[in-house]
Amino acid sequence: LIIGGGDGLALRDVLRWNPKKVTLIDLDAKLMSLFREPKTHL
């Protein structure tokens, strides 16, 4: 579980450990969309 980390960088490092599932909670959906689909917004 990651709380915060809406830029996806902590998530990137967690995925290197080959987990079965990662849950990320962040308040700002628009912020996360910038990092999820940067080509759409930036």
PDB file of all heavy atoms in Angstrom:
ATOM      1  N   LEU A   1       0.846  -1.194   0.000  1.00  0.00           N
ATOM      2  CA  LEU A   1       0.000   0.000   0.000  1.00  0.00           C
ATOM      3  C   LEU A   1       0.881   1.243   0.000  1.00  0.00           C
ATOM      4  O   LEU A   1       1.798   1.357   0.822  1.00  0.00           O
ATOM      5  CB  LEU A   1      -0.903   0.017   1.241  1.00  0.00           C
ATOM      6  CG  LEU A   1      -1.728   1.296   1.474  1.00  0.00           C
ATOM      7  CD1 LEU A   1      -2.729   1.509   0.339  1.00  0.00           C
ATOM      8  CD2 LEU A   1      -2.444   1.247   2.826  1.00  0.00           C
ATOM      9  N   ILE A   2       0.611   2.163  -0.925  1.00  0.00           N
ATOM     10  CA  ILE A   2       1.279   3.465  -0.962  1.00  0.00           C
ATOM     11  C   ILE A   2       0.231   4.537  -0.707  1.00  0.00           C
ATOM     12  O   ILE A   2      -0.790   4.591  -1.400  1.00  0.00           O
ATOM     13  CB  ILE A   2       1.967   3.717  -2.312  1.00  0.00           C
ATOM     14  CG1 ILE A   2       2.996   2.628  -2.614  1.00  0.00           C
ATOM     15  CG2 ILE A   2       2.634   5.099  -2.329  1.00  0.00           C
ATOM     16  CD1 ILE A   2       3.610   2.735  -3.995  1.00  0.00           C
ATOM     17  N   ILE A   3       0.478   5.382   0.283  1.00  0.00           N
ATOM     18  CA  ILE A   3      -0.415   6.503   0.584  1.00  0.00           C
ATOM     19  C   ILE A   3       0.290   7.782   0.160  1.00  0.00           C
ATOM     20  O   ILE A   3       1.366   8.106   0.667  1.00  0.00           O
ATOM     21  CB  ILE A   3      -0.776   6.534   2.079  1.00  0.00           C
ATOM     22  CG1 ILE A   3      -1.541   5.259   2.454  1.00  0.00           C
ATOM     23  CG2 ILE A   3      -1.617   7.770   2.400  1.00  0.00           C
ATOM     24  CD1 ILE A   3      -1.809   5.125   3.946  1.00  0.00           C
ATOM     25  N   GLY A   4      -0.293   8.514  -0.778  1.00  0.00           N
ATOM     26  CA  GLY A   4       0.381   9.647  -1.397  1.00  0.00           C
ATOM     27  C   GLY A   4       1.143   9.154  -2.613  1.00  0.00           C
ATOM     28  O   GLY A   4       0.761   8.179  -3.257  1.00  0.00           O
ATOM     29  N   GLY A   5       2.232   9.849  -2.953  1.00  0.00           N
ATOM     30  CA  GLY A   5       3.052   9.387  -4.075  1.00  0.00           C
ATOM     31  C   GLY A   5       2.347   9.485  -5.411  1.00  0.00           C
ATOM     32  O   GLY A   5       2.529   8.612  -6.272  1.00  0.00           O
ATOM     33  N   GLY A   6       1.566  10.553  -5.608  1.00  0.00           N
ATOM     34  CA  GLY A   6       0.809  10.706  -6.846  1.00  0.00           C
ATOM     35  C   GLY A   6       1.647  10.906  -8.081  1.00  0.00           C
ATOM     36  O   GLY A   6       1.117  10.877  -9.197  1.00  0.00           O
ATOM     37  N   ASP A   7       2.962  11.116  -7.923  1.00  0.00           N
ATOM     38  CA  ASP A   7       3.839  11.252  -9.083  1.00  0.00           C
ATOM     39  C   ASP A   7       4.276   9.897  -9.645  1.00  0.00           C
ATOM     40  O   ASP A   7       4.908   9.830 -10.704  1.00  0.00           O
ATOM     41  CB  ASP A   7       5.075  12.087  -8.747  1.00  0.00           C
ATOM     42  CG  ASP A   7       5.807  11.594  -7.502  1.00  0.00           C
ATOM     43  OD1 ASP A   7       5.801  10.367  -7.249  1.00  0.00           O
ATOM     44  OD2 ASP A   7       6.379  12.422  -6.774  1.00  0.00           O
ATOM     45  N   GLY A   8       3.973   8.806  -8.933  1.00  0.00           N
ATOM     46  CA  GLY A   8       4.259   7.472  -9.445  1.00  0.00           C
ATOM     47  C   GLY A   8       5.700   7.019  -9.297  1.00  0.00           C
ATOM     48  O   GLY A   8       6.049   5.923  -9.770  1.00  0.00           O
ATOM     49  N   LEU A   9       6.556   7.803  -8.623  1.00  0.00           N
ATOM     50  CA  LEU A   9       7.967   7.442  -8.519  1.00  0.00           C
ATOM     51  C   LEU A   9       8.221   6.402  -7.428  1.00  0.00           C
ATOM     52  O   LEU A   9       9.011   5.471  -7.625  1.00  0.00           O
ATOM     53  CB  LEU A   9       8.809   8.688  -8.289  1.00  0.00           C
ATOM     54  CG  LEU A   9       8.773   9.702  -9.444  1.00  0.00           C
ATOM     55  CD1 LEU A   9       9.590  10.934  -9.111  1.00  0.00           C
ATOM     56  CD2 LEU A   9       9.273   9.064 -10.734  1.00  0.00           C
ATOM     57  N   ALA A  10       7.574   6.540  -6.277  1.00  0.00           N
ATOM     58  CA  ALA A  10       7.663   5.483  -5.272  1.00  0.00           C
ATOM     59  C   ALA A  10       7.047   4.200  -5.825  1.00  0.00           C
ATOM     60  O   ALA A  10       7.565   3.094  -5.597  1.00  0.00           O
ATOM     61  CB  ALA A  10       6.964   5.913  -3.988  1.00  0.00           C
ATOM     62  N   LEU A  11       5.962   4.348  -6.548  1.00  0.00           N
ATOM     63  CA  LEU A  11       5.312   3.198  -7.182  1.00  0.00           C
ATOM     64  C   LEU A  11       6.273   2.504  -8.146  1.00  0.00           C
ATOM     65  O   LEU A  11       6.361   1.265  -8.178  1.00  0.00           O
ATOM     66  CB  LEU A  11       4.061   3.671  -7.915  1.00  0.00           C
ATOM     67  CG  LEU A  11       3.302   2.639  -8.747  1.00  0.00           C
ATOM     68  CD1 LEU A  11       2.793   1.497  -7.865  1.00  0.00           C
ATOM     69  CD2 LEU A  11       2.135   3.302  -9.480  1.00  0.00           C
ATOM     70  N   ARG A  12       6.996   3.275  -8.916  1.00  0.00           N
ATOM     71  CA  ARG A  12       7.989   2.711  -9.839  1.00  0.00           C
ATOM     72  C   ARG A  12       8.990   1.837  -9.096  1.00  0.00           C
ATOM     73  O   ARG A  12       9.306   0.716  -9.526  1.00  0.00           O
ATOM     74  CB  ARG A  12       8.718   3.863 -10.536  1.00  0.00           C
ATOM     75  CG  ARG A  12       9.908   3.458 -11.400  1.00  0.00           C
ATOM     76  CD  ARG A  12      10.877   4.629 -11.534  1.00  0.00           C
ATOM     77  NE  ARG A  12      11.456   5.012 -10.238  1.00  0.00           N
ATOM     78  CZ  ARG A  12      12.081   6.172 -10.014  1.00  0.00           C
ATOM     79  NH1 ARG A  12      12.192   7.068 -10.983  1.00  0.00           N
ATOM     80  NH2 ARG A  12      12.580   6.435  -8.814  1.00  0.00           N
ATOM     81  N   ASP A  13       9.489   2.337  -7.957  1.00  0.00           N
ATOM     82  CA  ASP A  13      10.488   1.588  -7.205  1.00  0.00           C
ATOM     83  C   ASP A  13       9.888   0.350  -6.542  1.00  0.00           C
ATOM     84  O   ASP A  13      10.554  -0.684  -6.418  1.00  0.00           O
ATOM     85  CB  ASP A  13      11.131   2.489  -6.153  1.00  0.00           C
ATOM     86  CG  ASP A  13      12.123   3.471  -6.766  1.00  0.00           C
ATOM     87  OD1 ASP A  13      12.267   3.476  -8.005  1.00  0.00           O
ATOM     88  OD2 ASP A  13      12.752   4.233  -6.011  1.00  0.00           O
ATOM     89  N   VAL A  14       8.648   0.442  -6.092  1.00  0.00           N
ATOM     90  CA  VAL A  14       7.984  -0.723  -5.497  1.00  0.00           C
ATOM     91  C   VAL A  14       7.817  -1.828  -6.538  1.00  0.00           C
ATOM     92  O   VAL A  14       8.017  -3.018  -6.240  1.00  0.00           O
ATOM     93  CB  VAL A  14       6.615  -0.314  -4.908  1.00  0.00           C
ATOM     94  CG1 VAL A  14       5.784  -1.556  -4.558  1.00  0.00           C
ATOM     95  CG2 VAL A  14       6.800   0.560  -3.676  1.00  0.00           C
ATOM     96  N   LEU A  15       7.477  -1.461  -7.767  1.00  0.00           N
ATOM     97  CA  LEU A  15       7.261  -2.457  -8.813  1.00  0.00           C
ATOM     98  C   LEU A  15       8.534  -3.232  -9.140  1.00  0.00           C
ATOM     99  O   LEU A  15       8.460  -4.348  -9.669  1.00  0.00           O
ATOM    100  CB  LEU A  15       6.700  -1.779 -10.072  1.00  0.00           C
ATOM    101  CG  LEU A  15       5.265  -1.246  -9.948  1.00  0.00           C
ATOM    102  CD1 LEU A  15       4.887  -0.420 -11.166  1.00  0.00           C
ATOM    103  CD2 LEU A  15       4.279  -2.397  -9.745  1.00  0.00           C
ATOM    104  N   ARG A  16       9.695  -2.676  -8.833  1.00  0.00           N
ATOM    105  CA  ARG A  16      10.954  -3.394  -9.061  1.00  0.00           C
ATOM    106  C   ARG A  16      11.043  -4.646  -8.183  1.00  0.00           C
ATOM    107  O   ARG A  16      11.807  -5.577  -8.487  1.00  0.00           O
ATOM    108  CB  ARG A  16      12.144  -2.473  -8.761  1.00  0.00           C
ATOM    109  CG  ARG A  16      12.280  -1.292  -9.708  1.00  0.00           C
ATOM    110  CD  ARG A  16      13.388  -0.333  -9.265  1.00  0.00           C
ATOM    111  NE  ARG A  16      14.692  -0.978  -9.239  1.00  0.00           N
ATOM    112  CZ  ARG A  16      15.399  -1.220  -8.128  1.00  0.00           C
ATOM    113  NH1 ARG A  16      14.902  -0.866  -6.946  1.00  0.00           N
ATOM    114  NH2 ARG A  16      16.574  -1.809  -8.172  1.00  0.00           N
ATOM    115  N   TRP A  17      10.284  -4.698  -7.100  1.00  0.00           N
ATOM    116  CA  TRP A  17      10.288  -5.842  -6.178  1.00  0.00           C
ATOM    117  C   TRP A  17       9.300  -6.932  -6.615  1.00  0.00           C
ATOM    118  O   TRP A  17       9.087  -7.895  -5.888  1.00  0.00           O
ATOM    119  CB  TRP A  17       9.949  -5.358  -4.770  1.00  0.00           C
ATOM    120  CG  TRP A  17      11.062  -4.559  -4.147  1.00  0.00           C
ATOM    121  CD1 TRP A  17      11.403  -3.269  -4.432  1.00  0.00           C
ATOM    122  CD2 TRP A  17      11.976  -5.007  -3.159  1.00  0.00           C
ATOM    123  NE1 TRP A  17      12.478  -2.873  -3.677  1.00  0.00           N
ATOM    124  CE2 TRP A  17      12.856  -3.920  -2.875  1.00  0.00           C
ATOM    125  CE3 TRP A  17      12.156  -6.198  -2.459  1.00  0.00           C
ATOM    126  CZ2 TRP A  17      13.883  -4.018  -1.935  1.00  0.00           C
ATOM    127  CZ3 TRP A  17      13.177  -6.286  -1.534  1.00  0.00           C
ATOM    128  CH2 TRP A  17      14.025  -5.213  -1.275  1.00  0.00           C
ATOM    129  N   ASN A  18       8.698  -6.751  -7.751  1.00  0.00           N
ATOM    130  CA  ASN A  18       7.789  -7.741  -8.348  1.00  0.00           C
ATOM    131  C   ASN A  18       6.637  -8.135  -7.415  1.00  0.00           C
ATOM    132  O   ASN A  18       6.401  -9.322  -7.147  1.00  0.00           O
ATOM    133  CB  ASN A  18       8.563  -8.996  -8.767  1.00  0.00           C
ATOM    134  CG  ASN A  18       7.756  -9.845  -9.743  1.00  0.00           C
ATOM    135  OD1 ASN A  18       6.918  -9.333 -10.482  1.00  0.00           O
ATOM    136  ND2 ASN A  18       7.996 -11.149  -9.730  1.00  0.00           N
ATOM    137  N   PRO A  19       5.899  -7.156  -6.904  1.00  0.00           N
ATOM    138  CA  PRO A  19       4.751  -7.482  -6.051  1.00  0.00           C
ATOM    139  C   PRO A  19       3.593  -8.051  -6.882  1.00  0.00           C
ATOM    140  O   PRO A  19       3.542  -7.873  -8.103  1.00  0.00           O
ATOM    141  CB  PRO A  19       4.371  -6.125  -5.455  1.00  0.00           C
ATOM    142  CG  PRO A  19       4.776  -5.149  -6.514  1.00  0.00           C
ATOM    143  CD  PRO A  19       6.028  -5.707  -7.129  1.00  0.00           C
ATOM    144  N   LYS A  20       2.685  -8.710  -6.190  1.00  0.00           N
ATOM    145  CA  LYS A  20       1.487  -9.209  -6.881  1.00  0.00           C
ATOM    146  C   LYS A  20       0.470  -8.086  -7.084  1.00  0.00           C
ATOM    147  O   LYS A  20      -0.250  -8.061  -8.089  1.00  0.00           O
ATOM    148  CB  LYS A  20       0.861 -10.342  -6.077  1.00  0.00           C
ATOM    149  CG  LYS A  20       1.720 -11.590  -6.012  1.00  0.00           C
ATOM    150  CD  LYS A  20       1.052 -12.673  -5.182  1.00  0.00           C
ATOM    151  CE  LYS A  20       1.932 -13.927  -5.113  1.00  0.00           C
ATOM    152  NZ  LYS A  20       1.317 -14.979  -4.259  1.00  0.00           N
ATOM    153  N   LYS A  21       0.431  -7.147  -6.127  1.00  0.00           N
ATOM    154  CA  LYS A  21      -0.513  -6.034  -6.239  1.00  0.00           C
ATOM    155  C   LYS A  21       0.001  -4.839  -5.448  1.00  0.00           C
ATOM    156  O   LYS A  21       0.570  -4.998  -4.357  1.00  0.00           O
ATOM    157  CB  LYS A  21      -1.903  -6.424  -5.721  1.00  0.00           C
ATOM    158  CG  LYS A  21      -2.952  -5.331  -5.923  1.00  0.00           C
ATOM    159  CD  LYS A  21      -4.346  -5.827  -5.612  1.00  0.00           C
ATOM    160  CE  LYS A  21      -5.375  -4.726  -5.926  1.00  0.00           C
ATOM    161  NZ  LYS A  21      -6.763  -5.175  -5.691  1.00  0.00           N
ATOM    162  N   VAL A  22      -0.209  -3.649  -6.006  1.00  0.00           N
ATOM    163  CA  VAL A  22       0.122  -2.399  -5.311  1.00  0.00           C
ATOM    164  C   VAL A  22      -1.113  -1.508  -5.337  1.00  0.00           C
ATOM    165  O   VAL A  22      -1.692  -1.267  -6.411  1.00  0.00           O
ATOM    166  CB  VAL A  22       1.299  -1.662  -5.971  1.00  0.00           C
ATOM    167  CG1 VAL A  22       1.657  -0.430  -5.150  1.00  0.00           C
ATOM    168  CG2 VAL A  22       2.505  -2.571  -6.118  1.00  0.00           C
ATOM    169  N   THR A  23      -1.522  -1.032  -4.184  1.00  0.00           N
ATOM    170  CA  THR A  23      -2.647  -0.100  -4.081  1.00  0.00           C
ATOM    171  C   THR A  23      -2.089   1.277  -3.741  1.00  0.00           C
ATOM    172  O   THR A  23      -1.316   1.410  -2.780  1.00  0.00           O
ATOM    173  CB  THR A  23      -3.632  -0.552  -2.993  1.00  0.00           C
ATOM    174  OG1 THR A  23      -4.097  -1.869  -3.302  1.00  0.00           O
ATOM    175  CG2 THR A  23      -4.827   0.403  -2.906  1.00  0.00           C
ATOM    176  N   LEU A  24      -2.454   2.274  -4.511  1.00  0.00           N
ATOM    177  CA  LEU A  24      -1.978   3.644  -4.287  1.00  0.00           C
ATOM    178  C   LEU A  24      -3.170   4.557  -4.049  1.00  0.00           C
ATOM    179  O   LEU A  24      -4.101   4.596  -4.854  1.00  0.00           O
ATOM    180  CB  LEU A  24      -1.152   4.133  -5.474  1.00  0.00           C
ATOM    181  CG  LEU A  24      -0.473   5.510  -5.308  1.00  0.00           C
ATOM    182  CD1 LEU A  24       0.865   5.529  -6.054  1.00  0.00           C
ATOM    183  CD2 LEU A  24      -1.344   6.648  -5.820  1.00  0.00           C
ATOM    184  N   ILE A  25      -3.118   5.296  -2.935  1.00  0.00           N
ATOM    185  CA  ILE A  25      -4.181   6.247  -2.594  1.00  0.00           C
ATOM    186  C   ILE A  25      -3.613   7.656  -2.647  1.00  0.00           C
ATOM    187  O   ILE A  25      -2.648   7.979  -1.945  1.00  0.00           O
ATOM    188  CB  ILE A  25      -4.740   5.987  -1.181  1.00  0.00           C
ATOM    189  CG1 ILE A  25      -5.237   4.547  -1.042  1.00  0.00           C
ATOM    190  CG2 ILE A  25      -5.875   6.971  -0.873  1.00  0.00           C
ATOM    191  CD1 ILE A  25      -5.628   4.190   0.381  1.00  0.00           C
ATOM    192  N   ASP A  26      -4.199   8.515  -3.476  1.00  0.00           N
ATOM    193  CA  ASP A  26      -3.799   9.922  -3.526  1.00  0.00           C
ATOM    194  C   ASP A  26      -5.044  10.764  -3.754  1.00  0.00           C
ATOM    195  O   ASP A  26      -5.953  10.361  -4.488  1.00  0.00           O
ATOM    196  CB  ASP A  26      -2.781  10.161  -4.645  1.00  0.00           C
ATOM    197  CG  ASP A  26      -2.090  11.517  -4.501  1.00  0.00           C
ATOM    198  OD1 ASP A  26      -2.705  12.545  -4.842  1.00  0.00           O
ATOM    199  OD2 ASP A  26      -0.949  11.542  -4.034  1.00  0.00           O
ATOM    200  N   LEU A  27      -5.062  11.929  -3.137  1.00  0.00           N
ATOM    201  CA  LEU A  27      -6.241  12.794  -3.189  1.00  0.00           C
ATOM    202  C   LEU A  27      -6.468  13.409  -4.554  1.00  0.00           C
ATOM    203  O   LEU A  27      -7.602  13.566  -4.998  1.00  0.00           O
ATOM    204  CB  LEU A  27      -6.086  13.910  -2.136  1.00  0.00           C
ATOM    205  CG  LEU A  27      -7.181  14.957  -2.057  1.00  0.00           C
ATOM    206  CD1 LEU A  27      -8.503  14.336  -1.644  1.00  0.00           C
ATOM    207  CD2 LEU A  27      -6.784  16.057  -1.068  1.00  0.00           C
ATOM    208  N   ASP A  28      -5.391  13.760  -5.250  1.00  0.00           N
ATOM    209  CA  ASP A  28      -5.485  14.612  -6.437  1.00  0.00           C
ATOM    210  C   ASP A  28      -5.512  13.785  -7.716  1.00  0.00           C
ATOM    211  O   ASP A  28      -4.474  13.376  -8.247  1.00  0.00           O
ATOM    212  CB  ASP A  28      -4.303  15.578  -6.462  1.00  0.00           C
ATOM    213  CG  ASP A  28      -4.562  16.784  -7.345  1.00  0.00           C
ATOM    214  OD1 ASP A  28      -5.332  16.652  -8.311  1.00  0.00           O
ATOM    215  OD2 ASP A  28      -3.992  17.859  -7.075  1.00  0.00           O
ATOM    216  N   ALA A  29      -6.709  13.559  -8.235  1.00  0.00           N
ATOM    217  CA  ALA A  29      -6.860  12.748  -9.454  1.00  0.00           C
ATOM    218  C   ALA A  29      -6.230  13.431 -10.663  1.00  0.00           C
ATOM    219  O   ALA A  29      -5.649  12.763 -11.532  1.00  0.00           O
ATOM    220  CB  ALA A  29      -8.339  12.487  -9.719  1.00  0.00           C
ATOM    221  N   LYS A  30      -6.323  14.753 -10.729  1.00  0.00           N
ATOM    222  CA  LYS A  30      -5.750  15.469 -11.870  1.00  0.00           C
ATOM    223  C   LYS A  30      -4.233  15.364 -11.874  1.00  0.00           C
ATOM    224  O   LYS A  30      -3.614  15.200 -12.926  1.00  0.00           O
ATOM    225  CB  LYS A  30      -6.174  16.938 -11.842  1.00  0.00           C
ATOM    226  CG  LYS A  30      -5.704  17.728 -13.059  1.00  0.00           C
ATOM    227  CD  LYS A  30      -6.255  19.143 -13.061  1.00  0.00           C
ATOM    228  CE  LYS A  30      -5.773  19.924 -14.283  1.00  0.00           C
ATOM    229  NZ  LYS A  30      -6.319  21.308 -14.313  1.00  0.00           N
ATOM    230  N   LEU A  31      -3.644  15.457 -10.699  1.00  0.00           N
ATOM    231  CA  LEU A  31      -2.197  15.294 -10.593  1.00  0.00           C
ATOM    232  C   LEU A  31      -1.775  13.922 -11.097  1.00  0.00           C
ATOM    233  O   LEU A  31      -0.835  13.789 -11.895  1.00  0.00           O
ATOM    234  CB  LEU A  31      -1.759  15.481  -9.143  1.00  0.00           C
ATOM    235  CG  LEU A  31      -0.327  15.064  -8.791  1.00  0.00           C
ATOM    236  CD1 LEU A  31       0.673  15.956  -9.500  1.00  0.00           C
ATOM    237  CD2 LEU A  31      -0.104  15.093  -7.287  1.00  0.00           C
ATOM    238  N   MET A  32      -2.459  12.882 -10.655  1.00  0.00           N
ATOM    239  CA  MET A  32      -2.104  11.529 -11.072  1.00  0.00           C
ATOM    240  C   MET A  32      -2.285  11.333 -12.567  1.00  0.00           C
ATOM    241  O   MET A  32      -1.510  10.622 -13.208  1.00  0.00           O
ATOM    242  CB  MET A  32      -2.920  10.504 -10.286  1.00  0.00           C
ATOM    243  CG  MET A  32      -2.491  10.384  -8.832  1.00  0.00           C
ATOM    244  SD  MET A  32      -3.269   8.994  -7.962  1.00  0.00           S
ATOM    245  CE  MET A  32      -4.967   9.597  -7.817  1.00  0.00           C
ATOM    246  N   SER A  33      -3.297  12.000 -13.138  1.00  0.00           N
ATOM    247  CA  SER A  33      -3.523  11.857 -14.581  1.00  0.00           C
ATOM    248  C   SER A  33      -2.371  12.444 -15.382  1.00  0.00           C
ATOM    249  O   SER A  33      -2.066  11.970 -16.478  1.00  0.00           O
ATOM    250  CB  SER A  33      -4.845  12.516 -14.980  1.00  0.00           C
ATOM    251  OG  SER A  33      -4.759  13.933 -14.900  1.00  0.00           O
ATOM    252  N   LEU A  34      -1.715  13.492 -14.847  1.00  0.00           N
ATOM    253  CA  LEU A  34      -0.554  14.071 -15.531  1.00  0.00           C
ATOM    254  C   LEU A  34       0.572  13.055 -15.645  1.00  0.00           C
ATOM    255  O   LEU A  34       1.257  12.987 -16.672  1.00  0.00           O
ATOM    256  CB  LEU A  34      -0.053  15.308 -14.788  1.00  0.00           C
ATOM    257  CG  LEU A  34      -0.935  16.546 -14.776  1.00  0.00           C
ATOM    258  CD1 LEU A  34      -0.256  17.661 -13.995  1.00  0.00           C
ATOM    259  CD2 LEU A  34      -1.259  17.017 -16.175  1.00  0.00           C
ATOM    260  N   PHE A  35       0.767  12.270 -14.582  1.00  0.00           N
ATOM    261  CA  PHE A  35       1.845  11.289 -14.581  1.00  0.00           C
ATOM    262  C   PHE A  35       1.423   9.965 -15.223  1.00  0.00           C
ATOM    263  O   PHE A  35       2.267   9.230 -15.711  1.00  0.00           O
ATOM    264  CB  PHE A  35       2.337  11.049 -13.154  1.00  0.00           C
ATOM    265  CG  PHE A  35       3.120  12.198 -12.594  1.00  0.00           C
ATOM    266  CD1 PHE A  35       2.502  13.204 -11.868  1.00  0.00           C
ATOM    267  CD2 PHE A  35       4.489  12.300 -12.813  1.00  0.00           C
ATOM    268  CE1 PHE A  35       3.219  14.271 -11.353  1.00  0.00           C
ATOM    269  CE2 PHE A  35       5.218  13.365 -12.313  1.00  0.00           C
ATOM    270  CZ  PHE A  35       4.577  14.353 -11.581  1.00  0.00           C
ATOM    271  N   ARG A  36       0.124   9.689 -15.216  1.00  0.00           N
ATOM    272  CA  ARG A  36      -0.355   8.455 -15.841  1.00  0.00           C
ATOM    273  C   ARG A  36      -0.380   8.597 -17.358  1.00  0.00           C
ATOM    274  O   ARG A  36       0.024   7.683 -18.090  1.00  0.00           O
ATOM    275  CB  ARG A  36      -1.765   8.114 -15.348  1.00  0.00           C
ATOM    276  CG  ARG A  36      -2.297   6.805 -15.930  1.00  0.00           C
ATOM    277  CD  ARG A  36      -3.772   6.612 -15.647  1.00  0.00           C
ATOM    278  NE  ARG A  36      -4.060   6.511 -14.219  1.00  0.00           N
ATOM    279  CZ  ARG A  36      -4.740   7.403 -13.527  1.00  0.00           C
ATOM    280  NH1 ARG A  36      -5.201   8.516 -14.126  1.00  0.00           N
ATOM    281  NH2 ARG A  36      -4.965   7.231 -12.248  1.00  0.00           N
ATOM    282  N   GLU A  37      -0.843   9.743 -17.836  1.00  0.00           N
ATOM    283  CA  GLU A  37      -0.955   9.973 -19.279  1.00  0.00           C
ATOM    284  C   GLU A  37      -0.311  11.310 -19.639  1.00  0.00           C
ATOM    285  O   GLU A  37      -0.995  12.262 -20.051  1.00  0.00           O
ATOM    286  CB  GLU A  37      -2.429   9.970 -19.694  1.00  0.00           C
ATOM    287  CG  GLU A  37      -3.152   8.664 -19.385  1.00  0.00           C
ATOM    288  CD  GLU A  37      -4.647   8.771 -19.612  1.00  0.00           C
ATOM    289  OE1 GLU A  37      -5.194   9.896 -19.482  1.00  0.00           O
ATOM    290  OE2 GLU A  37      -5.276   7.749 -19.916  1.00  0.00           O
ATOM    291  N   PRO A  38       0.993  11.433 -19.480  1.00  0.00           N
ATOM    292  CA  PRO A  38       1.644  12.729 -19.722  1.00  0.00           C
ATOM    293  C   PRO A  38       1.499  13.229 -21.156  1.00  0.00           C
ATOM    294  O   PRO A  38       1.418  14.440 -21.378  1.00  0.00           O
ATOM    295  CB  PRO A  38       3.113  12.451 -19.368  1.00  0.00           C
ATOM    296  CG  PRO A  38       3.271  10.970 -19.468  1.00  0.00           C
ATOM    297  CD  PRO A  38       1.954  10.402 -19.071  1.00  0.00           C
ATOM    298  N   LYS A  39       1.451  12.341 -22.119  1.00  0.00           N
ATOM    299  CA  LYS A  39       1.342  12.768 -23.521  1.00  0.00           C
ATOM    300  C   LYS A  39       0.010  13.451 -23.802  1.00  0.00           C
ATOM    301  O   LYS A  39      -0.100  14.251 -24.735  1.00  0.00           O
ATOM    302  CB  LYS A  39       1.521  11.572 -24.448  1.00  0.00           C
ATOM    303  CG  LYS A  39       2.946  11.035 -24.483  1.00  0.00           C
ATOM    304  CD  LYS A  39       3.082   9.870 -25.447  1.00  0.00           C
ATOM    305  CE  LYS A  39       4.518   9.368 -25.493  1.00  0.00           C
ATOM    306  NZ  LYS A  39       4.662   8.200 -26.392  1.00  0.00           N
ATOM    307  N   THR A  40      -0.996  13.142 -22.998  1.00  0.00           N
ATOM    308  CA  THR A  40      -2.324  13.750 -23.174  1.00  0.00           C
ATOM    309  C   THR A  40      -2.373  15.164 -22.627  1.00  0.00           C
ATOM    310  O   THR A  40      -3.105  16.010 -23.139  1.00  0.00           O
ATOM    311  CB  THR A  40      -3.395  12.894 -22.470  1.00  0.00           C
ATOM    312  OG1 THR A  40      -3.323  11.557 -22.965  1.00  0.00           O
ATOM    313  CG2 THR A  40      -4.794  13.450 -22.720  1.00  0.00           C
ATOM    314  N   HIS A  41      -1.576  15.438 -21.586  1.00  0.00           N
ATOM    315  CA  HIS A  41      -1.720  16.697 -20.860  1.00  0.00           C
ATOM    316  C   HIS A  41      -0.525  17.640 -20.979  1.00  0.00           C
ATOM    317  O   HIS A  41      -0.699  18.854 -20.810  1.00  0.00           O
ATOM    318  CB  HIS A  41      -1.946  16.407 -19.367  1.00  0.00           C
ATOM    319  CG  HIS A  41      -3.095  15.502 -19.079  1.00  0.00           C
ATOM    320  ND1 HIS A  41      -4.407  15.922 -19.139  1.00  0.00           N
ATOM    321  CD2 HIS A  41      -3.131  14.178 -18.735  1.00  0.00           C
ATOM    322  CE1 HIS A  41      -5.208  14.912 -18.833  1.00  0.00           C
ATOM    323  NE2 HIS A  41      -4.461  13.851 -18.585  1.00  0.00           N
ATOM    324  N   LEU A  42       0.643  17.125 -21.246  1.00  0.00           N
ATOM    325  CA  LEU A  42       1.868  17.912 -21.114  1.00  0.00           C
ATOM    326  C   LEU A  42       2.560  18.131 -22.449  1.00  0.00           C
ATOM    327  O   LEU A  42       2.314  17.399 -23.415  1.00  0.00           O
ATOM    328  CB  LEU A  42       2.833  17.203 -20.154  1.00  0.00           C
ATOM    329  CG  LEU A  42       2.304  16.942 -18.747  1.00  0.00           C
ATOM    330  CD1 LEU A  42       3.289  16.088 -17.962  1.00  0.00           C
ATOM    331  CD2 LEU A  42       2.030  18.246 -18.014  1.00  0.00           C
TER     332      LEU A  42
END
